[in-house]
Amino acid sequence: MDKGALASALGSPSVFGQSQFAFVRGNAFEARVKADGGAELLRLVHERLDRGARPPAEARVEVPDLSATGPEGRAARTSLALREATGTPGAWTLLDHPMLALEVAGSPAFLEPDAVVVHPDGTWTVVEIKSFPMLDGSADPAKVGAAARQAAVYVLALEQVAARLDPAPRVRHRVLLVCPKDFSNLPTASAVDVRKQRAVTDRQLARLTRIDEIADALPEGVCFSPEQPAEELAASVEAVPATYAPECLSACELAFHCRARSREAGAVTCLGRPVRAELGGLSTVGDVLAAARGEAGDPDDPAVAALRRAARLRAEALATAGAGTGEVSACR
């Protein structure tokens, strides 16, 4: 389902995402990297990953047309292009925005890497183009890590395509990360080994509950179509348990909807998972305040005892501050 459309239909549209400026800048940089039939991109692939191969400037370069109807058609066209490129030894092939399919929890997910390069020896490389800079040959480790995790998913999807070919070509586990050099718009690149990220992602995918099992557990009549009346749609969403935390705001389109519901219920998860862990069995803000005031809760509970001690310290601090203010006023 389209969670962004669902959030808008619920009256809590998501507002996070890439800024328009960053989007335009990223597209301009990618266009520069792929200009002239990908000459600069292939040069970087040769320089960073395959120096032993014939340079692209001296070899035949293919850039197949991957256009087709719908994601399924584009994925099939990509698979055919990869098959044809692998069977053409000695040539470099650049697949611009190919479409790959990866099975996730029993359902196909369609992925679109920035590029995939088929080397003259028939091996395949994922290329990830980012607009964050490489300063003196290195980039922000957090951003590089995120790009590596993203590229690892593409590697897994490519391996599924390769497994259907005979003989199966090798998908390289060193991907090419292309970024602007220093503060310019000139491209530079670095080879990133994604074997660790690929193994972690593969294990996570294997542990996912299948979508049909999740669907079977839903109450009868639940539907998430944004076209439904608002009351019915809200009831369907409420049928799925959700535990909101502030971290959701950066990752989920439904975060604002869940935050509003969590605040209405007074859930302590609104304060963050660390706070929730410290409060033990106290699950609502009302329970926490009652325990702090001594109106409820087991005194032997460490969380209750800590709350009451904090309440006493706060009362003492406020009393001291009030007394100090009174003395100053009297002096004046």
Protein backbone atom coordinates (compact mmCIF):
# COMPACT_ATOMS: atom_id res chain seq x y z
CA MET A 1 0.00 0.00 0.00
CA ASP A 2 1.02 3.63 -0.47
CA LYS A 3 1.61 4.74 3.12
CA GLY A 4 1.99 8.38 2.08
CA ALA A 5 -1.46 8.39 0.44
CA LEU A 6 -2.86 6.53 3.44
CA ALA A 7 -1.45 9.13 5.86
CA SER A 8 -2.95 11.96 3.79
CA ALA A 9 -6.36 10.25 3.73
CA LEU A 10 -6.18 9.95 7.54
CA GLY A 11 -5.54 13.69 7.84
CA SER A 12 -1.93 13.34 9.02
CA PRO A 13 0.21 13.77 5.89
CA SER A 14 3.90 13.05 6.18
CA VAL A 15 6.18 16.03 5.70
CA PHE A 16 9.61 14.46 5.74
CA GLY A 17 11.64 13.70 2.64
CA GLN A 18 14.43 15.06 0.50
CA SER A 19 14.36 18.81 -0.03
CA GLN A 20 13.60 20.08 -3.53
CA PHE A 21 17.03 21.72 -3.68
CA ALA A 22 18.80 18.47 -2.80
CA PHE A 23 16.64 16.56 -5.27
CA VAL A 24 17.51 18.93 -8.16
CA ARG A 25 21.20 18.96 -7.21
CA GLY A 26 21.29 15.16 -7.05
CA ASN A 27 19.64 14.80 -10.44
CA ALA A 28 22.03 17.32 -12.02
CA PHE A 29 25.05 15.50 -10.61
CA GLU A 30 23.78 12.10 -11.77
CA ALA A 31 23.17 13.48 -15.27
CA ARG A 32 26.75 14.75 -15.37
CA VAL A 33 28.13 11.38 -14.26
CA LYS A 34 26.16 9.55 -16.98
CA ALA A 35 26.74 12.06 -19.77
CA ASP A 36 28.22 10.96 -23.12
CA GLY A 37 26.91 7.44 -22.83
CA GLY A 38 28.31 7.00 -19.33
CA ALA A 39 31.92 7.56 -20.42
CA GLU A 40 32.99 9.12 -17.11
CA LEU A 41 31.09 6.53 -15.07
CA LEU A 42 32.66 3.62 -16.94
CA ARG A 43 36.08 5.23 -16.58
CA LEU A 44 35.59 5.32 -12.80
CA VAL A 45 34.43 1.67 -12.77
CA HIS A 46 37.53 0.65 -14.75
CA GLU A 47 39.86 2.73 -12.56
CA ARG A 48 38.47 1.62 -9.18
CA LEU A 49 37.31 -1.94 -9.81
CA ASP A 50 38.71 -3.49 -13.00
CA ARG A 51 42.09 -2.08 -14.04
CA GLY A 52 42.97 -5.35 -15.78
CA ALA A 53 40.15 -5.01 -18.29
CA ARG A 54 40.40 -3.11 -21.56
CA PRO A 55 39.62 0.59 -20.94
CA PRO A 56 36.09 1.60 -21.96
CA ALA A 57 37.51 4.30 -24.25
CA GLU A 58 39.15 1.54 -26.35
CA ALA A 59 36.35 -1.04 -26.16
CA ARG A 60 32.78 -1.34 -27.36
CA VAL A 61 30.24 0.21 -24.98
CA GLU A 62 26.56 -0.72 -24.96
CA VAL A 63 23.76 1.27 -23.29
CA PRO A 64 20.59 -0.77 -23.88
CA ASP A 65 17.12 0.72 -23.83
CA LEU A 66 15.30 -0.55 -20.72
CA SER A 67 11.94 1.11 -21.29
CA ALA A 68 8.86 -1.09 -20.88
CA THR A 69 5.32 -0.94 -19.51
CA GLY A 70 5.03 -1.16 -15.71
CA PRO A 71 7.60 -2.36 -13.18
CA GLU A 72 7.11 -6.00 -14.15
CA GLY A 73 7.82 -5.21 -17.80
CA ARG A 74 10.88 -3.13 -16.91
CA ALA A 75 12.21 -5.90 -14.66
CA ALA A 76 11.80 -8.44 -17.47
CA ARG A 77 13.52 -6.07 -19.93
CA THR A 78 16.39 -5.58 -17.47
CA SER A 79 16.81 -9.34 -17.06
CA LEU A 80 16.94 -9.76 -20.84
CA ALA A 81 19.48 -6.93 -21.20
CA LEU A 82 21.69 -8.48 -18.53
CA ARG A 83 21.51 -11.85 -20.27
CA GLU A 84 22.45 -10.31 -23.63
CA ALA A 85 25.29 -8.24 -22.13
CA THR A 86 26.75 -11.24 -20.30
CA GLY A 87 26.79 -13.16 -23.58
CA THR A 88 28.78 -10.40 -25.32
CA PRO A 89 32.38 -10.85 -24.12
CA GLY A 90 34.83 -7.97 -24.39
CA ALA A 91 32.23 -5.20 -24.24
CA TRP A 92 31.28 -2.83 -21.46
CA THR A 93 27.52 -2.47 -20.87
CA LEU A 94 25.88 0.28 -18.82
CA LEU A 95 22.33 -0.26 -17.61
CA ASP A 96 20.90 3.13 -16.67
CA HIS A 97 18.24 2.84 -13.93
CA PRO A 98 17.48 -0.86 -14.40
CA MET A 99 14.50 -2.39 -12.61
CA LEU A 100 15.13 -5.35 -10.29
CA ALA A 101 12.67 -7.52 -8.38
CA LEU A 102 13.45 -8.88 -4.92
CA GLU A 103 11.15 -11.16 -2.97
CA VAL A 104 10.36 -9.63 0.42
CA ALA A 105 8.15 -11.60 2.80
CA GLY A 106 6.67 -13.56 -0.10
CA SER A 107 5.86 -10.55 -2.27
CA PRO A 108 7.97 -8.96 -5.05
CA ALA A 109 9.50 -5.56 -4.28
CA PHE A 110 10.73 -3.55 -7.26
CA LEU A 111 14.06 -1.76 -6.90
CA GLU A 112 15.77 0.78 -9.16
CA PRO A 113 19.55 1.15 -8.74
CA ASP A 114 21.23 4.19 -10.24
CA ALA A 115 23.17 1.93 -12.61
CA VAL A 116 24.49 -1.59 -13.14
CA VAL A 117 27.66 -2.21 -15.17
CA VAL A 118 28.45 -5.47 -16.96
CA HIS A 119 32.22 -5.87 -17.24
CA PRO A 120 33.96 -7.35 -20.29
CA ASP A 121 34.47 -10.59 -18.33
CA GLY A 122 30.70 -10.89 -17.73
CA THR A 123 30.67 -9.89 -14.04
CA TRP A 124 28.12 -7.38 -12.73
CA THR A 125 28.67 -4.30 -10.54
CA VAL A 126 26.14 -2.08 -8.76
CA VAL A 127 26.78 1.67 -9.02
CA GLU A 128 25.34 4.03 -6.42
CA ILE A 129 25.45 7.78 -7.14
CA LYS A 130 25.10 10.16 -4.18
CA SER A 131 25.25 13.95 -3.93
CA PHE A 132 27.14 14.14 -0.61
CA PRO A 133 30.81 15.09 -1.12
CA MET A 134 34.01 13.10 -0.76
CA LEU A 135 36.50 15.38 0.99
CA ASP A 136 40.13 14.39 0.48
CA GLY A 137 39.03 10.95 -0.68
CA SER A 138 36.67 10.15 2.18
CA ALA A 139 33.00 10.85 2.93
CA ASP A 140 30.76 10.95 6.00
CA PRO A 141 30.92 7.39 7.45
CA ALA A 142 27.23 7.42 8.39
CA LYS A 143 26.20 8.35 4.84
CA VAL A 144 28.58 5.82 3.31
CA GLY A 145 27.14 3.14 5.60
CA ALA A 146 23.60 3.98 4.53
CA ALA A 147 24.64 3.84 0.86
CA ALA A 148 26.33 0.48 1.44
CA ARG A 149 23.19 -0.96 3.01
CA GLN A 150 21.13 0.30 0.08
CA ALA A 151 23.57 -1.14 -2.46
CA ALA A 152 23.60 -4.49 -0.63
CA VAL A 153 19.86 -4.86 -1.33
CA TYR A 154 20.55 -4.28 -5.03
CA VAL A 155 23.30 -6.91 -4.93
CA LEU A 156 20.86 -9.43 -3.47
CA ALA A 157 18.32 -8.64 -6.18
CA LEU A 158 20.98 -8.99 -8.89
CA GLU A 159 22.02 -12.35 -7.48
CA GLN A 160 18.44 -13.58 -7.89
CA VAL A 161 18.56 -12.53 -11.55
CA ALA A 162 21.97 -14.18 -12.02
CA ALA A 163 20.74 -17.43 -10.47
CA ARG A 164 18.24 -17.82 -13.32
CA LEU A 165 21.01 -17.74 -15.97
CA ASP A 166 23.13 -20.70 -17.05
CA PRO A 167 25.95 -20.38 -16.30
CA ALA A 168 25.23 -17.90 -13.52
CA PRO A 169 27.42 -14.77 -13.80
CA ARG A 170 29.19 -13.42 -10.75
CA VAL A 171 27.77 -10.37 -8.98
CA ARG A 172 30.62 -8.36 -7.49
CA HIS A 173 30.37 -7.59 -3.79
CA ARG A 174 32.42 -4.42 -4.20
CA VAL A 175 30.10 -1.68 -5.41
CA LEU A 176 31.08 1.70 -6.81
CA LEU A 177 30.04 4.75 -4.81
CA VAL A 178 30.19 7.92 -6.92
CA CYS A 179 30.11 11.33 -5.21
CA PRO A 180 31.14 14.93 -5.93
CA LYS A 181 34.83 15.60 -5.34
CA ASP A 182 35.45 18.01 -2.47
CA PHE A 183 33.22 21.09 -3.00
CA SER A 184 33.01 20.82 -6.78
CA ASN A 185 30.53 19.07 -9.04
CA LEU A 186 33.23 16.81 -10.49
CA PRO A 187 32.63 13.09 -9.89
CA THR A 188 34.97 10.87 -7.93
CA ALA A 189 34.41 7.33 -6.74
CA SER A 190 35.32 4.75 -4.15
CA ALA A 191 34.92 0.97 -4.09
CA VAL A 192 32.83 -0.19 -1.12
CA ASP A 193 32.76 -3.81 0.04
CA VAL A 194 29.16 -4.67 0.96
CA ARG A 195 29.58 -8.35 1.92
CA LYS A 196 28.76 -7.67 5.57
CA GLN A 197 25.69 -5.56 4.74
CA ARG A 198 24.55 -8.14 2.20
CA ALA A 199 24.78 -10.98 4.75
CA VAL A 200 22.87 -8.98 7.38
CA THR A 201 20.12 -8.03 4.91
CA ASP A 202 19.83 -11.63 3.69
CA ARG A 203 19.35 -12.87 7.27
CA GLN A 204 16.77 -10.17 7.99
CA LEU A 205 14.79 -11.01 4.85
CA ALA A 206 14.82 -14.71 5.75
CA ARG A 207 13.31 -13.95 9.19
CA LEU A 208 10.48 -11.74 7.93
CA THR A 209 6.94 -12.94 8.48
CA ARG A 210 5.28 -13.58 5.13
CA ILE A 211 2.72 -11.02 3.98
CA ASP A 212 0.01 -13.66 3.52
CA GLU A 213 0.45 -14.74 7.16
CA ILE A 214 0.13 -11.12 8.30
CA ALA A 215 -2.97 -10.67 6.14
CA ASP A 216 -4.55 -13.85 7.56
CA ALA A 217 -4.17 -12.43 11.09
CA LEU A 218 -6.11 -9.25 10.28
CA PRO A 219 -9.78 -8.96 11.23
CA GLU A 220 -12.32 -9.66 8.52
CA GLY A 221 -13.11 -6.68 6.31
CA VAL A 222 -9.96 -4.67 7.03
CA CYS A 223 -8.95 -2.61 4.00
CA PHE A 224 -6.29 0.10 3.63
CA SER A 225 -7.54 1.75 0.45
CA PRO A 226 -7.31 5.58 0.73
CA GLU A 227 -10.59 5.72 -1.19
CA GLN A 228 -12.54 4.47 1.84
CA PRO A 229 -14.52 6.81 4.10
CA ALA A 230 -12.26 8.34 6.74
CA GLU A 231 -14.01 6.55 9.65
CA GLU A 232 -13.67 3.11 8.05
CA LEU A 233 -10.07 3.76 7.06
CA ALA A 234 -9.16 4.89 10.58
CA ALA A 235 -10.81 1.77 12.02
CA SER A 236 -8.80 -0.44 9.66
CA VAL A 237 -5.54 1.22 10.65
CA GLU A 238 -6.41 0.92 14.35
CA ALA A 239 -6.89 -2.84 13.83
CA VAL A 240 -3.13 -3.16 13.36
CA PRO A 241 -1.13 -2.79 16.61
CA ALA A 242 1.42 0.03 16.49
CA THR A 243 3.85 1.32 19.11
CA TYR A 244 4.89 4.87 18.33
CA ALA A 245 8.33 6.21 19.25
CA PRO A 246 9.97 9.52 18.22
CA GLU A 247 12.34 7.56 15.96
CA CYS A 248 9.36 6.76 13.72
CA LEU A 249 9.24 10.38 12.52
CA SER A 250 12.30 9.87 10.32
CA ALA A 251 11.26 6.53 8.83
CA CYS A 252 7.49 6.09 8.54
CA GLU A 253 4.85 8.06 6.66
CA LEU A 254 2.23 7.15 9.29
CA ALA A 255 4.31 8.50 12.19
CA PHE A 256 2.23 11.67 12.68
CA HIS A 257 -0.99 9.66 12.77
CA CYS A 258 0.44 7.21 15.31
CA ARG A 259 1.91 10.05 17.39
CA ALA A 260 -1.50 11.71 17.65
CA ARG A 261 -3.12 8.43 18.72
CA SER A 262 -0.32 7.76 21.20
CA ARG A 263 -0.70 11.22 22.76
CA GLU A 264 -4.46 10.78 23.03
CA ALA A 265 -3.89 7.52 24.91
CA GLY A 266 -1.21 9.12 27.11
CA ALA A 267 1.30 6.39 26.18
CA VAL A 268 4.78 6.88 27.60
CA THR A 269 6.29 5.65 24.32
CA CYS A 270 5.80 9.25 23.11
CA LEU A 271 8.77 10.09 25.34
CA GLY A 272 11.07 7.59 23.60
CA ARG A 273 12.06 3.97 24.03
CA PRO A 274 14.76 4.62 26.70
CA VAL A 275 12.18 6.35 28.95
CA ARG A 276 9.67 3.56 28.32
CA ALA A 277 12.28 0.98 29.36
CA GLU A 278 13.00 2.83 32.62
CA LEU A 279 9.32 2.97 33.63
CA GLY A 280 8.72 -0.78 33.78
CA GLY A 281 5.03 -1.60 34.02
CA LEU A 282 3.88 2.04 33.98
CA SER A 283 2.55 2.40 30.45
CA THR A 284 0.69 5.73 30.54
CA VAL A 285 1.62 9.26 31.59
CA GLY A 286 -1.30 9.21 34.03
CA ASP A 287 0.10 6.10 35.75
CA VAL A 288 3.51 7.75 35.98
CA LEU A 289 2.18 10.96 37.56
CA ALA A 290 -0.01 9.02 40.00
CA ALA A 291 2.96 6.91 41.06
CA ALA A 292 5.12 10.01 41.53
CA ARG A 293 2.46 11.64 43.72
CA GLY A 294 2.12 8.49 45.82
CA GLU A 295 -1.47 7.90 44.70
CA ALA A 296 -0.80 4.56 43.01
CA GLY A 297 1.91 2.01 42.41
CA ASP A 298 3.87 -0.46 44.50
CA PRO A 299 6.42 1.34 46.70
CA ASP A 300 8.77 -1.62 46.29
CA ASP A 301 8.78 -1.21 42.50
CA PRO A 302 12.14 0.39 41.56
CA ALA A 303 10.48 2.60 38.93
CA VAL A 304 7.84 3.84 41.41
CA ALA A 305 10.47 4.46 44.09
CA ALA A 306 12.62 6.42 41.63
CA LEU A 307 9.64 8.53 40.54
CA ARG A 308 8.70 9.40 44.11
CA ARG A 309 12.26 10.30 44.95
CA ALA A 310 12.41 12.52 41.85
CA ALA A 311 9.12 14.17 42.84
CA ARG A 312 10.46 14.93 46.34
CA LEU A 313 13.66 16.41 44.92
CA ARG A 314 11.65 18.54 42.49
CA ALA A 315 9.39 19.81 45.29
CA GLU A 316 12.41 20.66 47.44
CA ALA A 317 14.11 22.46 44.55
CA LEU A 318 10.97 24.49 43.80
CA ALA A 319 10.54 25.37 47.49
CA THR A 320 14.15 26.49 47.74
CA ALA A 321 13.84 28.57 44.57
CA GLY A 322 10.63 30.14 45.88
CA ALA A 323 12.22 30.99 49.20
CA GLY A 324 15.22 32.55 47.48
CA THR A 325 12.96 34.69 45.30
CA GLY A 326 11.07 35.89 48.36
CA GLU A 327 14.28 36.92 50.16
CA VAL A 328 15.45 38.89 47.15
CA SER A 329 12.07 40.65 46.88
CA ALA A 330 12.19 41.57 50.57
CA CYS A 331 15.68 43.03 50.20
CA ARG A 332 14.46 45.13 47.31
